[in-house]
Amino acid sequence: MIKRRPHLLWLLVPFVLYVGALPFVNRVRPLVLGLPFLFAWLLAATLVTPVAVWLAYRGDKNTRRRVS
């Protein structure tokens, strides 16, 4: 399935950002814009998630257009 639809790998980005990287970013210091690092990381992951979903959707839309 991945060979036919590699754009779906974009959907792994939020999972890796939220779950996979948590043991590595679970820190209070350094502060990023006055926020603890973990909070800043989760905020960044929340902002990146819609972009990753959009990229997967855009790739899937292009695939559907070619197949139809």
C-alpha atoms as a PDB file:
ATOM      1  CA  MET A   1       0.000   0.000   0.000  1.00  0.00           C
ATOM      2  CA  ILE A   2       2.822   2.437   0.793  1.00  0.00           C
ATOM      3  CA  LYS A   3       4.364   1.865  -2.633  1.00  0.00           C
ATOM      4  CA  ARG A   4       1.105   2.923  -4.246  1.00  0.00           C
ATOM      5  CA  ARG A   5       0.346   5.799  -1.859  1.00  0.00           C
ATOM      6  CA  PRO A   6       3.568   7.179  -0.344  1.00  0.00           C
ATOM      7  CA  HIS A   7       1.914  10.516   0.445  1.00  0.00           C
ATOM      8  CA  LEU A   8       0.148   8.791   3.348  1.00  0.00           C
ATOM      9  CA  LEU A   9       3.484   8.753   5.169  1.00  0.00           C
ATOM     10  CA  TRP A  10       2.759  12.411   5.982  1.00  0.00           C
ATOM     11  CA  LEU A  11       0.189  11.102   8.453  1.00  0.00           C
ATOM     12  CA  LEU A  12       2.996   9.614  10.528  1.00  0.00           C
ATOM     13  CA  VAL A  13       4.462  13.062  11.200  1.00  0.00           C
ATOM     14  CA  PRO A  14       1.916  14.041  13.911  1.00  0.00           C
ATOM     15  CA  PHE A  15       2.283  10.649  15.584  1.00  0.00           C
ATOM     16  CA  VAL A  16       6.061  10.948  15.710  1.00  0.00           C
ATOM     17  CA  LEU A  17       5.898  14.538  16.936  1.00  0.00           C
ATOM     18  CA  TYR A  18       3.383  13.813  19.694  1.00  0.00           C
ATOM     19  CA  VAL A  19       4.312  10.313  20.836  1.00  0.00           C
ATOM     20  CA  GLY A  20       7.644   9.252  19.377  1.00  0.00           C
ATOM     21  CA  ALA A  21       9.654  12.314  20.358  1.00  0.00           C
ATOM     22  CA  LEU A  22       8.113  12.870  23.784  1.00  0.00           C
ATOM     23  CA  PRO A  23      10.810  11.059  25.775  1.00  0.00           C
ATOM     24  CA  PHE A  24      13.437  13.267  24.113  1.00  0.00           C
ATOM     25  CA  VAL A  25      11.683  16.617  24.567  1.00  0.00           C
ATOM     26  CA  ASN A  26      10.271  16.153  28.064  1.00  0.00           C
ATOM     27  CA  ARG A  27      12.242  19.041  29.554  1.00  0.00           C
ATOM     28  CA  VAL A  28      11.405  22.296  31.273  1.00  0.00           C
ATOM     29  CA  ARG A  29      14.606  24.040  30.237  1.00  0.00           C
ATOM     30  CA  PRO A  30      15.413  25.625  27.808  1.00  0.00           C
ATOM     31  CA  LEU A  31      12.629  28.158  27.660  1.00  0.00           C
ATOM     32  CA  VAL A  32      11.304  28.949  24.194  1.00  0.00           C
ATOM     33  CA  LEU A  33       9.600  32.339  24.010  1.00  0.00           C
ATOM     34  CA  GLY A  34       9.104  32.105  27.766  1.00  0.00           C
ATOM     35  CA  LEU A  35       7.411  28.708  27.536  1.00  0.00           C
ATOM     36  CA  PRO A  36       8.787  25.412  28.840  1.00  0.00           C
ATOM     37  CA  PHE A  37      10.353  23.392  26.032  1.00  0.00           C
ATOM     38  CA  LEU A  38       7.748  20.605  26.191  1.00  0.00           C
ATOM     39  CA  PHE A  39       4.890  23.087  25.865  1.00  0.00           C
ATOM     40  CA  ALA A  40       6.602  24.830  22.946  1.00  0.00           C
ATOM     41  CA  TRP A  41       7.187  21.429  21.285  1.00  0.00           C
ATOM     42  CA  LEU A  42       3.525  20.453  21.625  1.00  0.00           C
ATOM     43  CA  LEU A  43       2.444  23.843  20.312  1.00  0.00           C
ATOM     44  CA  ALA A  44       4.707  23.438  17.279  1.00  0.00           C
ATOM     45  CA  ALA A  45       3.420  19.890  16.712  1.00  0.00           C
ATOM     46  CA  THR A  46      -0.147  21.193  16.829  1.00  0.00           C
ATOM     47  CA  LEU A  47       0.688  23.782  14.176  1.00  0.00           C
ATOM     48  CA  VAL A  48       2.481  21.232  11.944  1.00  0.00           C
ATOM     49  CA  THR A  49      -0.302  18.613  12.104  1.00  0.00           C
ATOM     50  CA  PRO A  50      -2.773  20.376   9.767  1.00  0.00           C
ATOM     51  CA  VAL A  51       0.024  20.902   7.246  1.00  0.00           C
ATOM     52  CA  ALA A  52       0.879  17.184   7.283  1.00  0.00           C
ATOM     53  CA  VAL A  53      -2.788  16.226   6.898  1.00  0.00           C
ATOM     54  CA  TRP A  54      -3.169  18.711   4.040  1.00  0.00           C
ATOM     55  CA  LEU A  55      -0.128  17.263   2.266  1.00  0.00           C
ATOM     56  CA  ALA A  56      -1.553  13.740   2.602  1.00  0.00           C
ATOM     57  CA  TYR A  57      -4.936  14.948   1.333  1.00  0.00           C
ATOM     58  CA  ARG A  58      -3.358  16.785  -1.591  1.00  0.00           C
ATOM     59  CA  GLY A  59      -1.402  13.684  -2.594  1.00  0.00           C
ATOM     60  CA  ASP A  60      -4.473  11.495  -2.288  1.00  0.00           C
ATOM     61  CA  LYS A  61      -6.538  13.936  -4.346  1.00  0.00           C
ATOM     62  CA  ASN A  62      -3.913  13.819  -7.100  1.00  0.00           C
ATOM     63  CA  THR A  63      -3.942  10.011  -7.005  1.00  0.00           C
ATOM     64  CA  ARG A  64      -7.716   9.881  -7.272  1.00  0.00           C
ATOM     65  CA  ARG A  65      -7.615  12.283 -10.195  1.00  0.00           C
ATOM     66  CA  ARG A  66      -5.108  10.101 -12.093  1.00  0.00           C
ATOM     67  CA  VAL A  67      -6.974   6.848 -11.394  1.00  0.00           C
ATOM     68  CA  SER A  68     -10.429   8.122 -12.376  1.00  0.00           C
END
